[in-house]
Amino acid sequence: MEAGPDGRGSVFSIHLPAVPAPAPAGSLADGLGLGEDEGAAILLVDDEDSVRTYVRLALEEAGCTVTEAVDGLDALERWDECGGLFDAVVSDMSMPRMNGLELSRALAERNPDLRILFLTGYASHETAADMTAQPGRRIVMKPVAPDRLIEAVRGLLAE
């Protein structure tokens, strides 16, 4: 530490690395138990940009490959463009044009074994019970911490 230019106060030097450090052990990258080259392919559907970005970053840090869609109809387009090659769908429940429940029904026609994780801040206990009673379906209330999100995706993929 040294004095500032006028002889008072302090001057601090902060040195930051020029490249990102590898993820520490126990980070979200370990969350799914997937390496960089073996991540799950996730179709992420949410109409709110900030939520979609938050979830995408958490999933990518856990080793997933993420394709984004802004609502149910957009998700169906992305599904068809990618030939349905997704391990799971992470979808908001309440969206314009086509909500999460309608999307899950449309996707079930394309792939009845598809795993879907619903994210919502509004579901009633009855809706949650209906959604999770189906195999390959889970529901998580928003807001959700990244580690809780990864835990839910890991459980869904393990079913």
N, C-alpha and C. Protein backbone atom coordinates (compact mmCIF):
# COMPACT_ATOMS: atom_id res chain seq x y z
N MET A 1 0.84 -1.16 0.00
CA MET A 1 0.00 0.00 0.00
C MET A 1 0.89 1.23 0.00
N GLU A 2 0.48 2.22 -0.73
CA GLU A 2 1.22 3.47 -0.75
C GLU A 2 0.23 4.63 -0.67
N ALA A 3 0.74 5.79 -0.38
CA ALA A 3 -0.11 6.97 -0.27
C ALA A 3 -0.56 7.42 -1.64
N GLY A 4 -1.73 8.07 -1.69
CA GLY A 4 -2.26 8.60 -2.94
C GLY A 4 -1.44 9.76 -3.45
N PRO A 5 -1.79 10.34 -4.61
CA PRO A 5 -1.01 11.41 -5.25
C PRO A 5 -0.88 12.65 -4.37
N ASP A 6 -1.83 12.91 -3.51
CA ASP A 6 -1.75 14.09 -2.66
C ASP A 6 -1.17 13.77 -1.29
N GLY A 7 -0.62 12.57 -1.13
CA GLY A 7 -0.02 12.17 0.13
C GLY A 7 -1.00 11.65 1.14
N ARG A 8 -2.29 11.62 0.79
CA ARG A 8 -3.32 11.13 1.71
C ARG A 8 -4.00 9.91 1.09
N GLY A 9 -4.61 9.12 1.91
CA GLY A 9 -5.36 7.96 1.39
C GLY A 9 -4.44 6.83 1.00
N SER A 10 -4.96 5.92 0.23
CA SER A 10 -4.20 4.74 -0.17
C SER A 10 -4.44 4.44 -1.64
N VAL A 11 -3.49 3.80 -2.25
CA VAL A 11 -3.60 3.33 -3.62
C VAL A 11 -3.47 1.81 -3.58
N PHE A 12 -4.41 1.13 -4.19
CA PHE A 12 -4.39 -0.33 -4.25
C PHE A 12 -4.23 -0.77 -5.69
N SER A 13 -3.45 -1.79 -5.91
CA SER A 13 -3.31 -2.40 -7.23
C SER A 13 -3.99 -3.76 -7.19
N ILE A 14 -4.86 -3.99 -8.16
CA ILE A 14 -5.56 -5.27 -8.24
C ILE A 14 -5.12 -5.95 -9.53
N HIS A 15 -4.67 -7.18 -9.40
CA HIS A 15 -4.21 -7.95 -10.56
C HIS A 15 -5.18 -9.09 -10.79
N LEU A 16 -5.78 -9.12 -11.98
CA LEU A 16 -6.74 -10.17 -12.35
C LEU A 16 -6.13 -11.04 -13.43
N PRO A 17 -6.47 -12.33 -13.44
CA PRO A 17 -5.92 -13.21 -14.47
C PRO A 17 -6.44 -12.81 -15.86
N ALA A 18 -5.60 -13.03 -16.87
CA ALA A 18 -5.96 -12.69 -18.24
C ALA A 18 -6.90 -13.71 -18.87
N VAL A 19 -6.93 -14.92 -18.34
CA VAL A 19 -7.80 -15.97 -18.86
C VAL A 19 -8.63 -16.52 -17.72
N PRO A 20 -9.83 -17.05 -18.04
CA PRO A 20 -10.64 -17.61 -16.96
C PRO A 20 -9.99 -18.84 -16.36
N ALA A 21 -10.12 -18.97 -15.06
CA ALA A 21 -9.59 -20.14 -14.37
C ALA A 21 -10.53 -21.31 -14.59
N PRO A 22 -10.04 -22.55 -14.53
CA PRO A 22 -10.94 -23.69 -14.66
C PRO A 22 -11.92 -23.72 -13.49
N ALA A 23 -13.07 -24.33 -13.73
CA ALA A 23 -14.09 -24.41 -12.69
C ALA A 23 -13.55 -25.20 -11.51
N PRO A 24 -13.72 -24.69 -10.29
CA PRO A 24 -13.23 -25.41 -9.12
C PRO A 24 -14.03 -26.69 -8.88
N ALA A 25 -13.41 -27.64 -8.21
CA ALA A 25 -14.11 -28.88 -7.86
C ALA A 25 -15.33 -28.54 -7.03
N GLY A 26 -16.41 -29.26 -7.29
CA GLY A 26 -17.64 -29.00 -6.55
C GLY A 26 -18.47 -27.88 -7.15
N SER A 27 -18.09 -27.39 -8.33
CA SER A 27 -18.86 -26.32 -8.96
C SER A 27 -20.06 -26.92 -9.69
N LEU A 28 -20.85 -26.06 -10.31
CA LEU A 28 -22.00 -26.53 -11.07
C LEU A 28 -21.58 -27.43 -12.21
N ALA A 29 -20.37 -27.27 -12.72
CA ALA A 29 -19.90 -28.13 -13.81
C ALA A 29 -19.90 -29.59 -13.39
N ASP A 30 -19.77 -29.85 -12.09
CA ASP A 30 -19.83 -31.22 -11.60
C ASP A 30 -21.28 -31.65 -11.38
N GLY A 31 -22.21 -30.70 -11.43
CA GLY A 31 -23.58 -30.94 -11.04
C GLY A 31 -24.27 -32.08 -11.78
N LEU A 32 -24.10 -32.18 -13.08
CA LEU A 32 -24.75 -33.25 -13.83
C LEU A 32 -23.83 -34.45 -14.01
N GLY A 33 -22.59 -34.31 -13.56
CA GLY A 33 -21.66 -35.41 -13.75
C GLY A 33 -21.31 -35.58 -15.21
N LEU A 34 -21.38 -34.50 -15.97
CA LEU A 34 -21.13 -34.56 -17.40
C LEU A 34 -19.89 -33.75 -17.74
N GLY A 35 -19.05 -34.30 -18.58
CA GLY A 35 -17.90 -33.55 -19.06
C GLY A 35 -18.33 -32.61 -20.17
N GLU A 36 -17.39 -31.79 -20.61
CA GLU A 36 -17.69 -30.80 -21.64
C GLU A 36 -18.24 -31.42 -22.92
N ASP A 37 -17.73 -32.59 -23.29
CA ASP A 37 -18.12 -33.20 -24.56
C ASP A 37 -19.30 -34.17 -24.43
N GLU A 38 -19.82 -34.36 -23.23
CA GLU A 38 -20.88 -35.33 -23.07
C GLU A 38 -22.11 -34.75 -22.39
N GLY A 39 -22.36 -33.47 -22.57
CA GLY A 39 -23.49 -32.81 -21.93
C GLY A 39 -24.82 -33.15 -22.56
N ALA A 40 -25.85 -32.98 -21.78
CA ALA A 40 -27.22 -33.23 -22.25
C ALA A 40 -27.65 -32.09 -23.17
N ALA A 41 -28.46 -32.42 -24.16
CA ALA A 41 -29.04 -31.42 -25.06
C ALA A 41 -30.38 -31.00 -24.48
N ILE A 42 -30.50 -29.72 -24.15
CA ILE A 42 -31.69 -29.19 -23.49
C ILE A 42 -32.36 -28.15 -24.38
N LEU A 43 -33.68 -28.27 -24.52
CA LEU A 43 -34.48 -27.23 -25.17
C LEU A 43 -35.05 -26.38 -24.03
N LEU A 44 -34.64 -25.12 -23.97
CA LEU A 44 -35.04 -24.20 -22.91
C LEU A 44 -36.09 -23.24 -23.45
N VAL A 45 -37.24 -23.17 -22.79
CA VAL A 45 -38.36 -22.36 -23.27
C VAL A 45 -38.83 -21.43 -22.17
N ASP A 46 -38.68 -20.12 -22.41
CA ASP A 46 -39.18 -19.12 -21.45
C ASP A 46 -39.32 -17.80 -22.20
N ASP A 47 -40.41 -17.09 -21.94
CA ASP A 47 -40.66 -15.83 -22.64
C ASP A 47 -39.93 -14.65 -22.03
N GLU A 48 -39.37 -14.80 -20.85
CA GLU A 48 -38.63 -13.71 -20.21
C GLU A 48 -37.15 -13.86 -20.49
N ASP A 49 -36.58 -12.86 -21.18
CA ASP A 49 -35.17 -12.92 -21.56
C ASP A 49 -34.24 -13.14 -20.37
N SER A 50 -34.48 -12.42 -19.27
CA SER A 50 -33.58 -12.51 -18.12
C SER A 50 -33.63 -13.91 -17.49
N VAL A 51 -34.80 -14.50 -17.40
CA VAL A 51 -34.93 -15.85 -16.84
C VAL A 51 -34.27 -16.86 -17.76
N ARG A 52 -34.52 -16.71 -19.06
CA ARG A 52 -33.95 -17.64 -20.04
C ARG A 52 -32.42 -17.57 -19.99
N THR A 53 -31.86 -16.38 -19.89
CA THR A 53 -30.40 -16.22 -19.82
C THR A 53 -29.86 -16.85 -18.54
N TYR A 54 -30.50 -16.59 -17.43
CA TYR A 54 -30.09 -17.15 -16.13
C TYR A 54 -30.05 -18.67 -16.17
N VAL A 55 -31.12 -19.27 -16.68
CA VAL A 55 -31.22 -20.74 -16.73
C VAL A 55 -30.22 -21.29 -17.74
N ARG A 56 -30.09 -20.64 -18.89
CA ARG A 56 -29.13 -21.11 -19.91
C ARG A 56 -27.72 -21.13 -19.35
N LEU A 57 -27.32 -20.06 -18.68
CA LEU A 57 -25.96 -20.01 -18.13
C LEU A 57 -25.72 -21.11 -17.10
N ALA A 58 -26.70 -21.36 -16.24
CA ALA A 58 -26.56 -22.43 -15.24
C ALA A 58 -26.42 -23.79 -15.92
N LEU A 59 -27.26 -24.03 -16.93
CA LEU A 59 -27.22 -25.32 -17.64
C LEU A 59 -25.91 -25.48 -18.41
N GLU A 60 -25.47 -24.42 -19.07
CA GLU A 60 -24.21 -24.51 -19.82
C GLU A 60 -23.03 -24.73 -18.88
N GLU A 61 -23.04 -24.09 -17.71
CA GLU A 61 -21.96 -24.29 -16.75
C GLU A 61 -21.94 -25.74 -16.26
N ALA A 62 -23.10 -26.38 -16.27
CA ALA A 62 -23.18 -27.78 -15.87
C ALA A 62 -22.85 -28.74 -17.01
N GLY A 63 -22.48 -28.20 -18.17
CA GLY A 63 -22.05 -29.04 -19.28
C GLY A 63 -23.11 -29.33 -20.32
N CYS A 64 -24.28 -28.71 -20.21
CA CYS A 64 -25.36 -28.96 -21.17
C CYS A 64 -25.20 -28.10 -22.42
N THR A 65 -25.74 -28.60 -23.51
CA THR A 65 -25.89 -27.82 -24.73
C THR A 65 -27.33 -27.32 -24.74
N VAL A 66 -27.51 -26.02 -24.87
CA VAL A 66 -28.83 -25.43 -24.71
C VAL A 66 -29.29 -24.75 -26.00
N THR A 67 -30.51 -25.07 -26.42
CA THR A 67 -31.18 -24.38 -27.51
C THR A 67 -32.34 -23.62 -26.89
N GLU A 68 -32.43 -22.32 -27.20
CA GLU A 68 -33.43 -21.47 -26.58
C GLU A 68 -34.64 -21.24 -27.48
N ALA A 69 -35.80 -21.08 -26.84
CA ALA A 69 -37.04 -20.71 -27.53
C ALA A 69 -37.80 -19.74 -26.63
N VAL A 70 -38.55 -18.81 -27.25
CA VAL A 70 -39.22 -17.75 -26.49
C VAL A 70 -40.64 -18.09 -26.07
N ASP A 71 -41.20 -19.16 -26.63
CA ASP A 71 -42.54 -19.62 -26.23
C ASP A 71 -42.76 -21.01 -26.82
N GLY A 72 -43.93 -21.57 -26.58
CA GLY A 72 -44.22 -22.92 -27.03
C GLY A 72 -44.14 -23.11 -28.54
N LEU A 73 -44.70 -22.17 -29.29
CA LEU A 73 -44.66 -22.31 -30.75
C LEU A 73 -43.24 -22.23 -31.28
N ASP A 74 -42.45 -21.32 -30.71
CA ASP A 74 -41.04 -21.21 -31.09
C ASP A 74 -40.31 -22.51 -30.73
N ALA A 75 -40.65 -23.11 -29.59
CA ALA A 75 -40.03 -24.36 -29.17
C ALA A 75 -40.32 -25.49 -30.16
N LEU A 76 -41.55 -25.56 -30.66
CA LEU A 76 -41.88 -26.58 -31.65
C LEU A 76 -41.07 -26.39 -32.93
N GLU A 77 -40.87 -25.13 -33.33
CA GLU A 77 -40.04 -24.85 -34.50
C GLU A 77 -38.60 -25.31 -34.26
N ARG A 78 -38.05 -24.97 -33.09
CA ARG A 78 -36.68 -25.38 -32.75
C ARG A 78 -36.58 -26.92 -32.70
N TRP A 79 -37.60 -27.56 -32.15
CA TRP A 79 -37.64 -29.01 -32.08
C TRP A 79 -37.52 -29.61 -33.48
N ASP A 80 -38.35 -29.10 -34.39
CA ASP A 80 -38.35 -29.62 -35.76
C ASP A 80 -37.03 -29.32 -36.47
N GLU A 81 -36.49 -28.11 -36.27
CA GLU A 81 -35.21 -27.74 -36.89
C GLU A 81 -34.08 -28.67 -36.45
N CYS A 82 -34.11 -29.09 -35.19
CA CYS A 82 -33.04 -29.93 -34.63
C CYS A 82 -33.37 -31.41 -34.71
N GLY A 83 -34.47 -31.75 -35.36
CA GLY A 83 -34.84 -33.16 -35.50
C GLY A 83 -35.23 -33.81 -34.18
N GLY A 84 -35.61 -32.99 -33.20
CA GLY A 84 -36.04 -33.54 -31.91
C GLY A 84 -34.93 -34.19 -31.11
N LEU A 85 -33.70 -33.83 -31.39
CA LEU A 85 -32.57 -34.46 -30.72
C LEU A 85 -32.26 -33.77 -29.38
N PHE A 86 -33.22 -33.83 -28.47
CA PHE A 86 -33.05 -33.23 -27.15
C PHE A 86 -33.22 -34.31 -26.09
N ASP A 87 -32.43 -34.22 -25.03
CA ASP A 87 -32.55 -35.14 -23.91
C ASP A 87 -33.67 -34.72 -22.98
N ALA A 88 -33.94 -33.42 -22.92
CA ALA A 88 -34.98 -32.91 -22.03
C ALA A 88 -35.38 -31.50 -22.46
N VAL A 89 -36.54 -31.09 -21.96
CA VAL A 89 -37.04 -29.74 -22.16
C VAL A 89 -37.18 -29.09 -20.79
N VAL A 90 -36.72 -27.85 -20.67
CA VAL A 90 -36.94 -27.04 -19.48
C VAL A 90 -37.82 -25.89 -19.93
N SER A 91 -39.04 -25.84 -19.40
CA SER A 91 -40.02 -24.88 -19.91
C SER A 91 -40.75 -24.14 -18.80
N ASP A 92 -40.96 -22.86 -19.04
CA ASP A 92 -41.85 -22.07 -18.21
C ASP A 92 -43.27 -22.59 -18.43
N MET A 93 -44.14 -22.41 -17.46
CA MET A 93 -45.53 -22.84 -17.61
C MET A 93 -46.39 -21.76 -18.26
N SER A 94 -46.17 -20.51 -17.90
CA SER A 94 -47.02 -19.42 -18.35
C SER A 94 -46.31 -18.59 -19.42
N MET A 95 -46.76 -18.76 -20.68
CA MET A 95 -46.15 -18.05 -21.80
C MET A 95 -47.23 -17.67 -22.80
N PRO A 96 -46.99 -16.63 -23.58
CA PRO A 96 -47.96 -16.28 -24.63
C PRO A 96 -47.94 -17.30 -25.77
N ARG A 97 -48.96 -17.27 -26.58
CA ARG A 97 -49.13 -18.10 -27.77
C ARG A 97 -49.32 -19.58 -27.48
N MET A 98 -48.47 -20.19 -26.66
CA MET A 98 -48.61 -21.60 -26.28
C MET A 98 -47.92 -21.78 -24.94
N ASN A 99 -48.67 -22.17 -23.91
CA ASN A 99 -48.07 -22.32 -22.58
C ASN A 99 -47.33 -23.65 -22.45
N GLY A 100 -46.71 -23.85 -21.31
CA GLY A 100 -45.90 -25.04 -21.09
C GLY A 100 -46.67 -26.34 -21.13
N LEU A 101 -47.88 -26.32 -20.60
CA LEU A 101 -48.70 -27.53 -20.61
C LEU A 101 -49.09 -27.91 -22.04
N GLU A 102 -49.52 -26.92 -22.84
CA GLU A 102 -49.85 -27.17 -24.25
C GLU A 102 -48.61 -27.67 -25.01
N LEU A 103 -47.46 -27.06 -24.70
CA LEU A 103 -46.21 -27.48 -25.34
C LEU A 103 -45.90 -28.94 -24.99
N SER A 104 -46.05 -29.31 -23.72
CA SER A 104 -45.74 -30.68 -23.32
C SER A 104 -46.63 -31.69 -24.04
N ARG A 105 -47.89 -31.32 -24.25
CA ARG A 105 -48.80 -32.23 -24.98
C ARG A 105 -48.36 -32.37 -26.44
N ALA A 106 -47.99 -31.25 -27.07
CA ALA A 106 -47.55 -31.29 -28.47
C ALA A 106 -46.25 -32.09 -28.60
N LEU A 107 -45.34 -31.92 -27.65
CA LEU A 107 -44.07 -32.66 -27.71
C LEU A 107 -44.27 -34.14 -27.42
N ALA A 108 -45.24 -34.47 -26.56
CA ALA A 108 -45.52 -35.87 -26.25
C ALA A 108 -45.99 -36.62 -27.49
N GLU A 109 -46.65 -35.92 -28.41
CA GLU A 109 -47.04 -36.56 -29.68
C GLU A 109 -45.81 -36.88 -30.52
N ARG A 110 -44.78 -36.07 -30.41
CA ARG A 110 -43.55 -36.29 -31.17
C ARG A 110 -42.64 -37.31 -30.49
N ASN A 111 -42.61 -37.27 -29.14
CA ASN A 111 -41.77 -38.18 -28.37
C ASN A 111 -42.40 -38.41 -27.00
N PRO A 112 -43.14 -39.49 -26.84
CA PRO A 112 -43.84 -39.75 -25.57
C PRO A 112 -42.90 -39.94 -24.38
N ASP A 113 -41.64 -40.28 -24.63
CA ASP A 113 -40.69 -40.52 -23.55
C ASP A 113 -39.88 -39.28 -23.16
N LEU A 114 -40.17 -38.15 -23.78
CA LEU A 114 -39.42 -36.92 -23.53
C LEU A 114 -39.56 -36.49 -22.07
N ARG A 115 -38.47 -36.07 -21.49
CA ARG A 115 -38.46 -35.58 -20.12
C ARG A 115 -38.65 -34.06 -20.14
N ILE A 116 -39.53 -33.57 -19.26
CA ILE A 116 -39.82 -32.13 -19.22
C ILE A 116 -39.76 -31.64 -17.78
N LEU A 117 -39.00 -30.57 -17.58
CA LEU A 117 -38.95 -29.87 -16.29
C LEU A 117 -39.68 -28.55 -16.47
N PHE A 118 -40.75 -28.36 -15.70
CA PHE A 118 -41.51 -27.12 -15.74
C PHE A 118 -41.00 -26.18 -14.68
N LEU A 119 -40.81 -24.92 -15.05
CA LEU A 119 -40.46 -23.86 -14.11
C LEU A 119 -41.65 -22.92 -14.02
N THR A 120 -42.06 -22.60 -12.80
CA THR A 120 -43.19 -21.70 -12.66
C THR A 120 -43.16 -20.98 -11.32
N GLY A 121 -43.77 -19.85 -11.32
CA GLY A 121 -43.96 -19.11 -10.08
C GLY A 121 -45.42 -19.06 -9.69
N TYR A 122 -46.29 -19.71 -10.48
CA TYR A 122 -47.72 -19.56 -10.32
C TYR A 122 -48.51 -20.85 -10.13
N ALA A 123 -47.90 -22.00 -10.26
CA ALA A 123 -48.67 -23.25 -10.26
C ALA A 123 -49.31 -23.51 -8.91
N SER A 124 -50.53 -23.96 -8.96
CA SER A 124 -51.21 -24.39 -7.73
C SER A 124 -50.68 -25.77 -7.36
N HIS A 125 -50.97 -26.18 -6.14
CA HIS A 125 -50.53 -27.51 -5.70
C HIS A 125 -51.18 -28.60 -6.55
N GLU A 126 -52.43 -28.39 -7.00
CA GLU A 126 -53.11 -29.38 -7.83
C GLU A 126 -52.42 -29.52 -9.18
N THR A 127 -52.06 -28.38 -9.79
CA THR A 127 -51.37 -28.42 -11.08
C THR A 127 -50.03 -29.12 -10.93
N ALA A 128 -49.31 -28.79 -9.86
CA ALA A 128 -48.00 -29.41 -9.63
C ALA A 128 -48.16 -30.92 -9.47
N ALA A 129 -49.17 -31.35 -8.74
CA ALA A 129 -49.39 -32.79 -8.55
C ALA A 129 -49.73 -33.46 -9.87
N ASP A 130 -50.56 -32.81 -10.69
CA ASP A 130 -50.90 -33.37 -12.00
C ASP A 130 -49.66 -33.50 -12.88
N MET A 131 -48.82 -32.48 -12.87
CA MET A 131 -47.65 -32.46 -13.75
C MET A 131 -46.63 -33.52 -13.32
N THR A 132 -46.39 -33.65 -12.04
CA THR A 132 -45.35 -34.56 -11.58
C THR A 132 -45.84 -36.00 -11.50
N ALA A 133 -47.15 -36.22 -11.63
CA ALA A 133 -47.67 -37.59 -11.60
C ALA A 133 -47.31 -38.34 -12.87
N GLN A 134 -47.02 -37.62 -13.94
CA GLN A 134 -46.66 -38.25 -15.20
C GLN A 134 -45.16 -38.60 -15.18
N PRO A 135 -44.79 -39.77 -15.68
CA PRO A 135 -43.37 -40.12 -15.73
C PRO A 135 -42.61 -39.12 -16.61
N GLY A 136 -41.40 -38.77 -16.19
CA GLY A 136 -40.57 -37.87 -16.98
C GLY A 136 -41.00 -36.42 -16.89
N ARG A 137 -41.79 -36.08 -15.89
CA ARG A 137 -42.24 -34.70 -15.70
C ARG A 137 -41.92 -34.27 -14.27
N ARG A 138 -41.34 -33.10 -14.14
CA ARG A 138 -41.08 -32.51 -12.83
C ARG A 138 -41.43 -31.04 -12.89
N ILE A 139 -41.67 -30.46 -11.72
CA ILE A 139 -41.97 -29.04 -11.65
C ILE A 139 -41.13 -28.41 -10.55
N VAL A 140 -40.59 -27.24 -10.83
CA VAL A 140 -39.77 -26.49 -9.88
C VAL A 140 -40.33 -25.08 -9.80
N MET A 141 -40.50 -24.60 -8.59
CA MET A 141 -41.02 -23.25 -8.40
C MET A 141 -39.91 -22.22 -8.59
N LYS A 142 -40.23 -21.12 -9.27
CA LYS A 142 -39.32 -20.00 -9.43
C LYS A 142 -39.54 -19.04 -8.26
N PRO A 143 -38.52 -18.33 -7.87
CA PRO A 143 -37.14 -18.38 -8.36
C PRO A 143 -36.43 -19.64 -7.86
N VAL A 144 -35.48 -20.08 -8.66
CA VAL A 144 -34.74 -21.30 -8.33
C VAL A 144 -33.24 -21.01 -8.36
N ALA A 145 -32.54 -21.49 -7.35
CA ALA A 145 -31.09 -21.34 -7.29
C ALA A 145 -30.45 -22.26 -8.33
N PRO A 146 -29.31 -21.87 -8.88
CA PRO A 146 -28.67 -22.71 -9.91
C PRO A 146 -28.43 -24.15 -9.46
N ASP A 147 -27.98 -24.36 -8.21
CA ASP A 147 -27.72 -25.73 -7.78
C ASP A 147 -29.00 -26.54 -7.68
N ARG A 148 -30.10 -25.92 -7.29
CA ARG A 148 -31.41 -26.60 -7.23
C ARG A 148 -31.89 -26.93 -8.64
N LEU A 149 -31.67 -26.02 -9.58
CA LEU A 149 -32.04 -26.26 -10.98
C LEU A 149 -31.26 -27.45 -11.53
N ILE A 150 -29.97 -27.47 -11.30
CA ILE A 150 -29.13 -28.56 -11.81
C ILE A 150 -29.52 -29.88 -11.15
N GLU A 151 -29.82 -29.85 -9.87
CA GLU A 151 -30.26 -31.05 -9.17
C GLU A 151 -31.55 -31.59 -9.79
N ALA A 152 -32.49 -30.69 -10.13
CA ALA A 152 -33.75 -31.11 -10.74
C ALA A 152 -33.52 -31.69 -12.13
N VAL A 153 -32.65 -31.08 -12.92
CA VAL A 153 -32.35 -31.59 -14.26
C VAL A 153 -31.66 -32.95 -14.16
N ARG A 154 -30.72 -33.07 -13.23
CA ARG A 154 -30.01 -34.33 -13.04
C ARG A 154 -31.00 -35.45 -12.69
N GLY A 155 -31.92 -35.16 -11.77
CA GLY A 155 -32.92 -36.16 -11.40
C GLY A 155 -33.82 -36.53 -12.56
N LEU A 156 -34.20 -35.53 -13.34
CA LEU A 156 -35.05 -35.77 -14.50
C LEU A 156 -34.36 -36.67 -15.51
N LEU A 157 -33.10 -36.38 -15.79
CA LEU A 157 -32.34 -37.17 -16.77
C LEU A 157 -32.07 -38.59 -16.28
N ALA A 158 -32.03 -38.77 -14.97
CA ALA A 158 -31.76 -40.10 -14.41
C ALA A 158 -33.00 -40.99 -14.42
N GLU A 159 -34.18 -40.42 -14.60
CA GLU A 159 -35.42 -41.22 -14.60
C GLU A 159 -35.46 -42.17 -15.77
